[in-house]
Each structure stands twice: as C-alpha cells, then as structure tokens.
Amino acid sequence: MSHEDLDEWERCLDALQAEEGAEWPAGDRSAWVDVVPDDPVEVTVHDSPSTQIAVRVPIDVASEWLEENRLRLARVRAAVSAS
C-alpha cells in the first residue's frame, strides 16, 4: 500500500461524505471496491478484469461509519510512516 493509495482512500471518504460514489483503489489493479452511499450502502467487490466476477452486497451501516473509516485511515497512515 502506497501513500498514493492512502490519499485515494481519503478522497473516496470525502466523496462518500458528499453522498457521491467511490471506487478504491483506482487504476488497473486486479481487484477493486465500488461503494454507493444509498440506504443501505451498496458495496461491490470486482475481481480482476480477466474473470469479470463482481459481488454486490447491501450493507446497513451505522451513522458514524465514515468517521470510523477516517480513524482507520489515520492508523494505517501512522503504520506506513513508521515502517
């Protein structure tokens, strides 16, 4: 996980807070997550482009889920910086 990945994670959290959708990580990776902030939140996990497998799961999240994810991001940033 790079600092750019973490910056993109933060941009996704900002987008979700603005009630926009988000994909993470960006780019041509083998797998990615697409999050749509509906009620319930829809999360789709996409496998690599070669298999084209995707699984969509509706998730009923708590009201503070974005704040909790920002705390997780801060902990990951600290761990990456320490290594």
Protein backbone atom coordinates (compact mmCIF):
# COMPACT_ATOMS: atom_id res chain seq x y z
CA MET A 1 0.00 0.00 0.00
CA SER A 2 1.49 3.32 -1.07
CA HIS A 3 0.98 6.88 0.15
CA GLU A 4 -0.91 7.48 -3.10
CA ASP A 5 -3.29 4.61 -2.22
CA LEU A 6 -3.92 6.23 1.16
CA ASP A 7 -4.54 9.62 -0.46
CA GLU A 8 -7.04 7.96 -2.79
CA TRP A 9 -8.73 6.28 0.20
CA GLU A 10 -9.14 9.72 1.77
CA ARG A 11 -10.59 11.13 -1.48
CA CYS A 12 -13.09 8.25 -1.52
CA LEU A 13 -14.16 9.01 2.05
CA ASP A 14 -14.62 12.66 1.07
CA ALA A 15 -16.74 11.61 -1.92
CA LEU A 16 -18.87 9.29 0.19
CA GLN A 17 -19.41 12.02 2.77
CA ALA A 18 -20.64 14.22 -0.11
CA GLU A 19 -23.03 11.35 -0.98
CA GLU A 20 -21.16 10.51 -4.17
CA GLY A 21 -19.99 7.05 -5.16
CA ALA A 22 -16.39 5.93 -4.84
CA GLU A 23 -14.06 3.27 -6.26
CA TRP A 24 -10.92 2.15 -4.47
CA PRO A 25 -8.18 1.59 -5.32
CA ALA A 26 -8.14 3.49 -8.58
CA GLY A 27 -6.37 2.17 -11.64
CA ASP A 28 -5.89 -1.18 -13.32
CA ARG A 29 -5.50 -3.30 -10.22
CA SER A 30 -6.57 -6.90 -10.01
CA ALA A 31 -9.47 -6.14 -7.65
CA TRP A 32 -11.34 -3.04 -6.52
CA VAL A 33 -14.29 -1.95 -4.42
CA ASP A 34 -17.14 0.25 -5.63
CA VAL A 35 -19.22 1.93 -2.90
CA VAL A 36 -22.57 3.64 -3.49
CA PRO A 37 -23.86 5.62 -0.48
CA ASP A 38 -27.52 4.64 -0.80
CA ASP A 39 -29.67 3.37 2.04
CA PRO A 40 -28.42 0.71 2.53
CA VAL A 41 -24.89 1.35 1.31
CA GLU A 42 -24.08 -0.87 -1.69
CA VAL A 43 -20.60 -2.34 -1.88
CA THR A 44 -19.47 -4.19 -4.98
CA VAL A 45 -16.22 -6.12 -4.99
CA HIS A 46 -14.85 -6.57 -8.51
CA ASP A 47 -12.29 -9.24 -9.29
CA SER A 48 -9.69 -8.81 -11.98
CA PRO A 49 -10.73 -7.74 -15.47
CA SER A 50 -9.88 -11.21 -16.74
CA THR A 51 -12.53 -13.01 -14.63
CA GLN A 52 -15.06 -10.16 -14.60
CA ILE A 53 -16.57 -11.51 -11.38
CA ALA A 54 -18.36 -8.98 -9.17
CA VAL A 55 -20.26 -9.44 -5.92
CA ARG A 56 -22.66 -6.72 -4.73
CA VAL A 57 -23.67 -6.59 -1.08
CA PRO A 58 -26.05 -4.12 0.55
CA ILE A 59 -24.72 -3.07 3.96
CA ASP A 60 -26.73 -1.36 6.67
CA VAL A 61 -24.07 0.88 8.23
CA ALA A 62 -24.09 2.84 11.47
CA SER A 63 -24.36 6.62 11.26
CA GLU A 64 -20.71 7.11 12.25
CA TRP A 65 -19.22 4.67 9.74
CA LEU A 66 -17.37 7.37 7.80
CA GLU A 67 -15.76 8.74 10.97
CA GLU A 68 -14.69 5.21 11.93
CA ASN A 69 -13.12 4.75 8.50
CA ARG A 70 -11.25 8.05 8.84
CA LEU A 71 -9.80 6.76 12.14
CA ARG A 72 -8.74 3.54 10.41
CA LEU A 73 -7.10 5.56 7.66
CA ALA A 74 -5.19 7.60 10.25
CA ARG A 75 -3.93 4.38 11.92
CA VAL A 76 -2.82 2.93 8.58
CA ARG A 77 -1.04 6.18 7.69
CA ALA A 78 0.79 6.07 11.02
CA ALA A 79 1.79 2.44 10.50
CA VAL A 80 3.04 3.10 6.96
CA SER A 81 5.01 6.13 8.11
CA ALA A 82 6.59 4.15 10.96
CA SER A 83 7.88 1.42 8.64
